[in-house]
Amino acid sequence: MTQLEAARQGIVTEAMKTVAAEERLDAETVRARVAEGTVVIPANIGHHALHPWGIGKGLRTKMNVNLGISKDVCDYETEKEKAQLAADLKAEAIMDLSCYGTTAPFREWLIAHSPAAIGTVPMYDAVGLLGKGLKDMTADDLFSVVEKHAKDGVDFMTIHAGITQEVAGHVWKNPRLTNLVSRGGSILFAWMYMKGKENPFYEQYDRLLDICRTYDVTLSLGDACRSGSCHDSTDAVQVSELITLGELVVRARAAGVQVMVEGPGHMPLSDIRMNVELAKKLCHGAPLYVLGPIVTDVAPGYDHITAAIGGTLSAACGADFLCYVTPAEHLRLPDLDDVREGIIASKIACHAADLAKGVPHAADWDEAMSRARQKVDFGAMIPLALDPEKARRYRESSRPEDENTCTMCGPMCPMKTMSAILERRSRTK
C-alpha cells in the first residue's frame, strides 16, 4: 500500500508516526491529512535510509536542494559534498537534476546515503540513459526512464503531465517574453512538436500512476508553463496548465498515488497571494511546491535573496514546499558556497513563513533566542542561530572590551541598560 492508501484504511504507518513526532501533532491528525491528500509523505518503498518528512497542510514549511552535474561541469565528488552539506543543514529534500551522461550511480549513492527525500526529473536523464536523440524516443522509452528512477528508490518525481497539445496551443496564441523556461517542460514541448503527438504522460497518465503506486513515488506535477519573467506572470498559458494539473490531482488520488503540484517561477509580489490561492483552489488543496518565486528579474548574483522574499510570502499565503535558489541562478552551476547561501536563505524563508502561519511551536525557537539576547548571553545565542558557524565567526572577528556586549553598542547596549534599570527598580519596591 501507498501512504495514501494506508491512511484511507485508517492505518497509521511508521512514516506517519515519525512525521507526527517531528511536527508535534497527533498521529491521527497526520493520517487524516494524508488520507484527504492535503499532506504527502514522499517515501519510496526502496529508500531505506530515508527519514520521512511530511509536506502540506498545517506542517512546517519544507525545503528542497537541487544538485546534479551538467555537460560543462561534471564532477560527482563535488555533488556528493553538496549533498552532505544539505544533510548537515537539515534540508528535507534533495533533487538530483543531473542532465548529462550516466546518472544512475550518483542517484543510487544519494538514495543509499541520504535521509532526505530524493527527487528527480526523469526527462533530464532520458538522453543519457537511452542513448538516443529526442526525436527518436518513443513513449515507451520515456516511461522506461520513469520506471528506472522509481525502481532505484526515488521518493518524488517531477513529471510535466499538464502540458498537453491544448495547453501548448496557448503558447502559440499568447506570445510570452520568455517563452517556456522549464527545462523538462520545454523538452516535452519539443518532443510533442517533432512527433505531432500528445504528451505521453498525459495521454497514458494511468500508466504513470501505476508506476508511482507500485513504488509509492509521490508525483510532483511539474509546471512546464511557469513564468520565467515577471512580465509573463499569471497569463493564459500558466493558468491553462494549472487547470489541467487540478484534474490530474483528482485522478492521482483516486489511484492511491500521493501528489503535489509545482508552482510559479518569476512573478511580482503583488501576484503571489493570488497565485497560491488559485493553485490551492484549482488543485483541490494539494501540497504546493514553489520554485522561488523570484520577485524581480534584475538581480543575478543575488537571486537567493529575491527567491527568499518570494518564498516567504508564498509560504505565508499557503505554499508548503520551497525549492531553494542559489546566488548562481541564471549564471552557472552552483558551487559549494552557493549551495550553502541558497540553503540558508531558503531556511530563513521557511521559518519566517511558519511564524506568519502560526505553525505550532514555530515561535519557540525565536523566543529562546530573544531570552538569550535579553541576557546578552552570546554563549546561548550562537548555538541557537540558524547558521551558528557564521554567527560565531562574526562574533570572534570583532571582540568588544566588555565581553558581555558587542562592538556595535559597547557600553551603550540597550539590553544591559534596561536590565540594570529594571533590576534596580525591583529592589527598591
Protein backbone atom coordinates (compact mmCIF):
# COMPACT_ATOMS: atom_id res chain seq x y z
CA MET A 1 0.00 0.00 0.00
CA THR A 2 0.99 3.59 -0.54
CA GLN A 3 0.93 6.04 2.36
CA LEU A 4 -2.30 7.42 0.88
CA GLU A 5 -3.97 4.01 0.67
CA ALA A 6 -2.92 3.10 4.20
CA ALA A 7 -4.26 6.40 5.54
CA ARG A 8 -7.61 5.85 3.85
CA GLN A 9 -7.86 2.46 5.54
CA GLY A 10 -7.26 4.04 8.94
CA ILE A 11 -3.70 2.73 9.23
CA VAL A 12 -1.12 4.95 10.92
CA THR A 13 2.18 3.97 9.30
CA GLU A 14 5.61 4.31 10.85
CA ALA A 15 6.27 7.20 8.49
CA MET A 16 3.15 8.98 9.75
CA LYS A 17 4.26 8.45 13.34
CA THR A 18 7.66 9.97 12.53
CA VAL A 19 6.05 12.98 10.87
CA ALA A 20 3.67 13.44 13.80
CA ALA A 21 6.57 13.39 16.26
CA GLU A 22 8.57 15.90 14.20
CA GLU A 23 5.59 18.24 13.89
CA ARG A 24 4.38 17.74 17.49
CA LEU A 25 1.00 16.65 16.21
CA ASP A 26 -1.26 13.74 16.99
CA ALA A 27 -0.58 10.85 14.60
CA GLU A 28 -4.27 10.63 13.78
CA THR A 29 -4.20 14.23 12.57
CA VAL A 30 -1.35 13.40 10.20
CA ARG A 31 -3.14 10.26 8.98
CA ALA A 32 -6.34 12.21 8.28
CA ARG A 33 -4.49 14.85 6.25
CA VAL A 34 -2.63 12.21 4.24
CA ALA A 35 -5.97 10.50 3.60
CA GLU A 36 -7.51 13.67 2.21
CA GLY A 37 -4.41 14.45 0.14
CA THR A 38 -3.54 17.76 1.80
CA VAL A 39 -0.34 16.21 3.23
CA VAL A 40 2.10 13.94 1.40
CA ILE A 41 4.97 11.89 2.79
CA PRO A 42 7.39 11.13 -0.07
CA ALA A 43 8.70 7.69 0.88
CA ASN A 44 9.62 5.21 -1.85
CA ILE A 45 9.50 1.66 -0.52
CA GLY A 46 13.10 1.23 -1.72
CA HIS A 47 14.61 4.24 0.09
CA HIS A 48 15.77 2.58 3.29
CA ALA A 49 17.96 5.47 4.53
CA LEU A 50 15.01 7.86 4.47
CA HIS A 51 13.88 9.97 7.39
CA PRO A 52 10.24 10.61 6.39
CA TRP A 53 9.09 14.20 6.16
CA GLY A 54 5.55 15.47 5.75
CA ILE A 55 4.72 18.26 3.29
CA GLY A 56 1.42 20.09 3.40
CA LYS A 57 -1.42 21.47 5.46
CA GLY A 58 -0.56 22.66 8.97
CA LEU A 59 3.03 21.38 8.84
CA ARG A 60 6.34 23.24 8.88
CA THR A 61 7.35 24.61 5.51
CA LYS A 62 9.89 22.25 3.96
CA MET A 63 12.69 22.97 1.51
CA ASN A 64 14.40 21.22 -1.39
CA VAL A 65 18.03 21.47 -2.51
CA ASN A 66 18.85 20.99 -6.20
CA LEU A 67 22.07 19.15 -7.10
CA GLY A 68 23.48 17.47 -10.17
CA ILE A 69 26.01 17.74 -12.96
CA SER A 70 25.82 19.20 -16.46
CA LYS A 71 27.84 18.60 -19.61
CA ASP A 72 30.13 21.55 -18.80
CA VAL A 73 30.58 20.85 -15.08
CA CYS A 74 30.76 17.11 -14.48
CA ASP A 75 32.18 16.41 -11.01
CA TYR A 76 30.14 14.00 -8.92
CA GLU A 77 32.53 14.24 -5.96
CA THR A 78 31.58 17.90 -5.59
CA GLU A 79 27.90 16.97 -5.85
CA LYS A 80 28.41 14.50 -3.01
CA GLU A 81 29.92 17.29 -0.93
CA LYS A 82 26.85 19.40 -1.67
CA ALA A 83 24.59 16.53 -0.64
CA GLN A 84 26.48 16.16 2.65
CA LEU A 85 26.17 19.90 3.26
CA ALA A 86 22.44 19.69 2.61
CA ALA A 87 22.21 16.86 5.15
CA ASP A 88 24.27 18.80 7.70
CA LEU A 89 21.97 21.80 7.30
CA LYS A 90 18.93 19.52 7.64
CA ALA A 91 17.35 20.02 4.22
CA GLU A 92 14.27 17.83 3.98
CA ALA A 93 14.63 17.05 0.26
CA ILE A 94 17.28 16.83 -2.44
CA MET A 95 16.61 16.72 -6.18
CA ASP A 96 19.22 15.23 -8.49
CA LEU A 97 18.88 17.30 -11.66
CA SER A 98 21.85 15.77 -13.46
CA CYS A 99 21.31 16.14 -17.19
CA TYR A 100 24.35 14.58 -18.80
CA GLY A 101 25.88 11.15 -19.18
CA THR A 102 25.31 8.19 -16.88
CA THR A 103 23.43 9.48 -13.86
CA ALA A 104 22.39 6.24 -12.14
CA PRO A 105 25.47 5.73 -9.89
CA PHE A 106 25.12 9.16 -8.26
CA ARG A 107 21.36 8.74 -7.87
CA GLU A 108 21.88 5.34 -6.28
CA TRP A 109 24.53 6.82 -3.94
CA LEU A 110 22.10 9.56 -2.88
CA ILE A 111 19.34 7.08 -2.14
CA ALA A 112 21.68 4.80 -0.20
CA HIS A 113 23.13 7.59 1.95
CA SER A 114 20.59 10.39 2.20
CA PRO A 115 17.97 10.74 4.95
CA ALA A 116 16.35 13.49 2.85
CA ALA A 117 13.61 12.66 0.37
CA ILE A 118 15.15 12.27 -3.10
CA GLY A 119 13.51 13.74 -6.17
CA THR A 120 14.33 13.65 -9.87
CA VAL A 121 13.05 14.84 -13.24
CA PRO A 122 13.27 11.69 -15.38
CA MET A 123 13.16 13.69 -18.64
CA TYR A 124 16.59 15.12 -17.77
CA ASP A 125 18.00 11.61 -17.77
CA ALA A 126 16.36 10.43 -20.99
CA VAL A 127 19.16 11.17 -23.44
CA GLY A 128 21.92 9.77 -21.21
CA LEU A 129 20.03 6.63 -20.22
CA LEU A 130 18.51 5.81 -23.59
CA GLY A 131 21.47 6.80 -25.75
CA LYS A 132 19.35 8.31 -28.50
CA GLY A 133 18.18 11.72 -29.64
CA LEU A 134 14.87 13.17 -28.51
CA LYS A 135 13.22 12.77 -31.92
CA ASP A 136 13.99 9.05 -31.86
CA MET A 137 12.46 8.44 -28.43
CA THR A 138 9.14 6.66 -28.15
CA ALA A 139 6.56 6.98 -25.40
CA ASP A 140 7.70 3.55 -24.16
CA ASP A 141 11.26 4.88 -23.96
CA LEU A 142 10.16 7.78 -21.77
CA PHE A 143 8.18 5.53 -19.45
CA SER A 144 11.17 3.21 -19.12
CA VAL A 145 13.17 6.10 -17.67
CA VAL A 146 10.41 6.86 -15.16
CA GLU A 147 10.27 3.22 -14.10
CA LYS A 148 14.05 3.05 -13.74
CA HIS A 149 14.02 6.02 -11.34
CA ALA A 150 11.14 4.53 -9.37
CA LYS A 151 12.92 1.18 -9.03
CA ASP A 152 16.09 2.97 -7.90
CA GLY A 153 14.17 4.36 -4.92
CA VAL A 154 13.34 7.96 -5.88
CA ASP A 155 10.75 9.39 -3.46
CA PHE A 156 9.19 12.03 -5.69
CA MET A 157 9.37 12.79 -9.39
CA THR A 158 8.62 15.93 -11.33
CA ILE A 159 6.55 14.93 -14.33
CA HIS A 160 5.23 17.60 -16.68
CA ALA A 161 1.98 15.82 -17.44
CA GLY A 162 -0.05 19.03 -17.71
CA ILE A 163 1.45 20.42 -20.90
CA THR A 164 -1.00 18.91 -23.35
CA GLN A 165 -1.43 19.74 -27.01
CA GLU A 166 -4.27 22.03 -25.97
CA VAL A 167 -2.10 23.83 -23.43
CA ALA A 168 0.75 24.00 -25.96
CA GLY A 169 -1.68 25.78 -28.28
CA HIS A 170 -1.89 28.61 -25.79
CA VAL A 171 1.87 29.06 -26.11
CA TRP A 172 1.43 29.81 -29.80
CA LYS A 173 -1.59 32.05 -29.27
CA ASN A 174 -0.29 34.01 -26.26
CA PRO A 175 3.27 35.17 -27.01
CA ARG A 176 5.49 35.48 -23.97
CA LEU A 177 8.58 37.49 -23.22
CA THR A 178 10.47 34.40 -22.02
CA ASN A 179 8.52 31.53 -23.65
CA LEU A 180 8.93 28.26 -21.65
CA VAL A 181 11.71 28.27 -19.04
CA SER A 182 11.06 24.82 -17.58
CA ARG A 183 13.82 22.53 -18.82
CA GLY A 184 11.68 19.40 -18.59
CA GLY A 185 8.63 21.18 -19.96
CA SER A 186 10.50 22.54 -22.96
CA ILE A 187 11.91 19.08 -23.72
CA LEU A 188 8.42 17.60 -23.74
CA PHE A 189 7.13 20.53 -25.81
CA ALA A 190 9.86 19.82 -28.37
CA TRP A 191 9.05 16.08 -28.37
CA MET A 192 5.35 16.79 -28.96
CA TYR A 193 6.18 19.29 -31.72
CA MET A 194 8.60 16.97 -33.54
CA LYS A 195 6.33 13.94 -33.20
CA GLY A 196 3.00 15.68 -33.72
CA LYS A 197 1.70 13.63 -30.78
CA GLU A 198 0.08 14.19 -27.41
CA ASN A 199 2.18 14.38 -24.26
CA PRO A 200 2.62 10.68 -23.37
CA PHE A 201 2.50 11.39 -19.63
CA TYR A 202 -0.95 12.93 -20.11
CA GLU A 203 -2.21 10.50 -22.75
CA GLN A 204 -1.06 7.48 -20.73
CA TYR A 205 -1.48 9.04 -17.30
CA ASP A 206 -2.89 5.82 -15.81
CA ARG A 207 0.34 4.06 -16.80
CA LEU A 208 2.32 6.73 -14.96
CA LEU A 209 0.10 6.36 -11.89
CA ASP A 210 0.58 2.60 -11.90
CA ILE A 211 4.37 3.04 -11.70
CA CYS A 212 4.06 5.59 -8.90
CA ARG A 213 1.64 3.42 -6.94
CA THR A 214 3.85 0.33 -7.24
CA TYR A 215 6.81 2.04 -5.54
CA ASP A 216 4.89 4.72 -3.59
CA VAL A 217 6.51 7.52 -5.54
CA THR A 218 4.93 10.89 -4.81
CA LEU A 219 4.00 12.56 -8.08
CA SER A 220 5.12 16.18 -8.30
CA LEU A 221 3.12 17.63 -11.17
CA GLY A 222 5.57 19.98 -12.86
CA ASP A 223 4.64 23.46 -14.05
CA ALA A 224 6.04 23.41 -17.56
CA CYS A 225 4.37 26.75 -18.21
CA ARG A 226 5.58 28.63 -15.15
CA SER A 227 6.51 32.22 -15.81
CA GLY A 228 10.18 32.91 -16.44
CA SER A 229 9.79 36.66 -16.06
CA CYS A 230 7.59 38.97 -14.03
CA HIS A 231 6.10 40.14 -17.34
CA ASP A 232 4.67 36.67 -18.06
CA SER A 233 3.21 36.04 -14.61
CA THR A 234 -0.32 34.64 -14.31
CA ASP A 235 -1.01 34.59 -18.04
CA ALA A 236 -3.29 32.33 -20.04
CA VAL A 237 -0.52 29.80 -20.65
CA GLN A 238 0.22 29.32 -16.96
CA VAL A 239 -3.42 29.19 -15.90
CA SER A 240 -4.46 26.77 -18.65
CA GLU A 241 -1.85 24.27 -17.46
CA LEU A 242 -2.88 24.78 -13.84
CA ILE A 243 -6.47 23.81 -14.67
CA THR A 244 -5.18 20.58 -16.23
CA LEU A 245 -2.99 19.88 -13.21
CA GLY A 246 -6.04 20.13 -10.94
CA GLU A 247 -7.78 17.44 -12.95
CA LEU A 248 -4.68 15.23 -12.74
CA VAL A 249 -4.59 15.66 -8.95
CA VAL A 250 -8.06 14.15 -8.70
CA ARG A 251 -7.08 11.17 -10.85
CA ALA A 252 -3.87 10.55 -8.89
CA ARG A 253 -5.69 10.49 -5.57
CA ALA A 254 -8.31 8.14 -6.96
CA ALA A 255 -5.50 5.77 -7.95
CA GLY A 256 -3.97 5.87 -4.45
CA VAL A 257 -0.97 7.96 -5.53
CA GLN A 258 0.32 10.81 -3.40
CA VAL A 259 0.50 14.03 -5.40
CA MET A 260 1.70 17.59 -5.05
CA VAL A 261 1.72 20.48 -7.50
CA GLU A 262 4.57 22.73 -8.55
CA GLY A 263 4.08 26.47 -8.62
CA PRO A 264 5.36 29.54 -10.43
CA GLY A 265 8.89 30.76 -11.03
CA HIS A 266 9.06 34.54 -11.57
CA MET A 267 6.33 36.97 -10.52
CA PRO A 268 5.88 40.32 -8.81
CA LEU A 269 4.98 40.30 -5.13
CA SER A 270 1.50 41.56 -5.94
CA ASP A 271 0.70 38.33 -7.82
CA ILE A 272 1.86 35.84 -5.20
CA ARG A 273 -1.18 35.57 -2.93
CA MET A 274 -3.50 35.26 -5.91
CA ASN A 275 -1.32 32.52 -7.43
CA VAL A 276 -1.11 30.48 -4.24
CA GLU A 277 -4.85 30.71 -3.62
CA LEU A 278 -5.63 29.89 -7.24
CA ALA A 279 -3.34 26.84 -7.20
CA LYS A 280 -4.81 25.60 -3.95
CA LYS A 281 -8.36 26.07 -5.26
CA LEU A 282 -7.88 24.54 -8.70
CA CYS A 283 -5.74 21.69 -7.39
CA HIS A 284 -8.05 20.71 -4.53
CA GLY A 285 -5.75 21.61 -1.65
CA ALA A 286 -2.80 19.55 -2.88
CA PRO A 287 0.54 20.50 -1.29
CA LEU A 288 2.10 23.33 -3.28
CA TYR A 289 5.81 23.28 -4.21
CA VAL A 290 7.03 26.69 -5.36
CA LEU A 291 10.18 27.41 -7.35
CA GLY A 292 11.12 30.74 -5.77
CA PRO A 293 9.15 32.61 -6.81
CA ILE A 294 11.71 35.16 -7.93
CA VAL A 295 10.15 38.60 -7.43
CA THR A 296 12.35 40.69 -9.71
CA ASP A 297 14.30 39.78 -12.83
CA VAL A 298 17.25 42.15 -12.37
CA ALA A 299 19.30 40.60 -9.54
CA PRO A 300 21.52 37.82 -10.96
CA GLY A 301 24.10 37.00 -8.31
CA TYR A 302 21.52 37.71 -5.60
CA ASP A 303 18.61 35.52 -6.65
CA HIS A 304 18.83 33.57 -3.38
CA ILE A 305 17.51 36.82 -1.87
CA THR A 306 14.83 37.51 -4.50
CA ALA A 307 13.65 33.91 -4.11
CA ALA A 308 13.67 34.06 -0.31
CA ILE A 309 11.43 37.12 -0.45
CA GLY A 310 9.01 35.38 -2.80
CA GLY A 311 9.23 32.08 -0.96
CA THR A 312 8.44 33.69 2.38
CA LEU A 313 5.32 35.38 1.06
CA SER A 314 4.23 32.26 -0.87
CA ALA A 315 4.55 30.02 2.19
CA ALA A 316 2.86 32.61 4.42
CA CYS A 317 -0.04 32.53 1.94
CA GLY A 318 -0.24 28.72 2.00
CA ALA A 319 2.56 27.18 -0.07
CA ASP A 320 4.06 24.12 1.60
CA PHE A 321 7.42 23.36 0.00
CA LEU A 322 10.13 25.75 -1.20
CA CYS A 323 12.79 25.00 -3.79
CA TYR A 324 15.96 26.76 -2.81
CA VAL A 325 17.64 29.17 -5.20
CA THR A 326 21.36 29.99 -5.09
CA PRO A 327 23.31 33.15 -5.97
CA ALA A 328 24.39 31.31 -9.13
CA GLU A 329 20.83 31.10 -10.52
CA HIS A 330 20.71 32.17 -14.20
CA LEU A 331 24.53 32.35 -14.27
CA ARG A 332 26.24 28.97 -13.73
CA LEU A 333 26.10 25.63 -11.95
CA PRO A 334 26.34 26.49 -8.23
CA ASP A 335 29.46 25.68 -6.26
CA LEU A 336 29.58 24.59 -2.63
CA ASP A 337 29.47 28.14 -1.25
CA ASP A 338 26.50 28.97 -3.49
CA VAL A 339 24.67 25.93 -2.16
CA ARG A 340 25.26 27.00 1.44
CA GLU A 341 23.99 30.52 0.74
CA GLY A 342 20.93 29.14 -1.05
CA ILE A 343 20.07 26.72 1.76
CA ILE A 344 20.40 29.35 4.48
CA ALA A 345 18.27 31.86 2.55
CA SER A 346 15.57 29.25 1.97
CA LYS A 347 15.62 28.10 5.60
CA ILE A 348 15.07 31.71 6.68
CA ALA A 349 12.12 31.92 4.29
CA CYS A 350 10.62 28.67 5.59
CA HIS A 351 10.88 29.68 9.22
CA ALA A 352 9.67 33.24 8.69
CA ALA A 353 6.62 31.86 6.89
CA ASP A 354 5.96 29.35 9.67
CA LEU A 355 5.85 32.23 12.15
CA ALA A 356 3.38 34.05 9.93
CA LYS A 357 1.23 30.93 9.51
CA GLY A 358 1.22 30.22 13.23
CA VAL A 359 2.66 26.73 12.83
CA PRO A 360 2.61 25.12 16.29
CA HIS A 361 5.81 25.73 18.28
CA ALA A 362 7.48 27.67 15.44
CA ALA A 363 7.89 30.68 17.73
CA ASP A 364 9.63 28.66 20.47
CA TRP A 365 12.99 29.00 18.71
CA ASP A 366 12.66 32.79 18.34
CA GLU A 367 11.61 33.19 21.96
CA ALA A 368 14.63 31.20 23.14
CA MET A 369 16.90 33.47 21.09
CA SER A 370 15.18 36.58 22.46
CA ARG A 371 15.68 35.41 26.05
CA ALA A 372 19.38 34.87 25.35
CA ARG A 373 19.64 38.32 23.79
CA GLN A 374 17.90 39.93 26.74
CA LYS A 375 20.56 38.40 28.97
CA VAL A 376 23.32 39.38 26.50
CA ASP A 377 24.35 35.73 26.62
CA PHE A 378 26.38 35.07 23.48
CA GLY A 379 27.16 31.55 24.68
CA ALA A 380 23.45 30.78 24.35
CA MET A 381 22.75 32.96 21.30
CA ILE A 382 25.29 31.48 18.92
CA PRO A 383 24.16 27.81 19.20
CA LEU A 384 20.57 29.00 18.65
CA ALA A 385 21.49 30.78 15.41
CA LEU A 386 20.23 29.33 12.16
CA ASP A 387 23.85 29.33 10.98
CA PRO A 388 25.96 29.05 14.18
CA GLU A 389 29.21 28.83 12.22
CA LYS A 390 28.73 32.24 10.64
CA ALA A 391 27.42 33.81 13.85
CA ARG A 392 30.49 32.56 15.74
CA ARG A 393 32.85 33.77 13.03
CA TYR A 394 31.36 37.27 13.08
CA ARG A 395 31.44 37.43 16.88
CA GLU A 396 35.07 36.36 17.04
CA SER A 397 36.17 38.71 14.26
CA SER A 398 35.48 41.82 16.35
CA ARG A 399 35.74 41.39 20.11
CA PRO A 400 34.50 44.12 22.48
CA GLU A 401 36.29 45.40 25.55
CA ASP A 402 33.38 44.15 27.65
CA GLU A 403 32.67 40.53 26.68
CA ASN A 404 29.02 40.96 27.70
CA THR A 405 28.43 43.42 24.86
CA CYS A 406 29.26 43.59 21.16
CA THR A 407 31.26 46.14 19.19
CA MET A 408 28.10 47.69 17.77
CA CYS A 409 26.81 49.21 21.04
CA GLY A 410 29.54 48.51 23.60
CA PRO A 411 28.69 50.13 26.96
CA MET A 412 25.56 51.67 25.39
CA CYS A 413 23.96 48.22 24.99
CA PRO A 414 20.20 48.76 25.48
CA MET A 415 19.74 45.25 26.85
CA LYS A 416 22.25 45.87 29.64
CA THR A 417 20.92 49.39 30.31
CA MET A 418 17.30 48.29 30.63
CA SER A 419 18.15 45.21 32.67
CA ALA A 420 20.11 47.34 35.14
CA ILE A 421 17.27 49.87 35.48
CA LEU A 422 14.55 47.26 35.90
CA GLU A 423 16.63 45.28 38.39
CA ARG A 424 17.33 48.44 40.43
CA ARG A 425 13.65 49.38 40.39
CA SER A 426 12.58 45.90 41.53
CA ARG A 427 14.99 46.12 44.51
CA THR A 428 13.59 49.46 45.66
CA LYS A 429 9.96 48.31 45.67
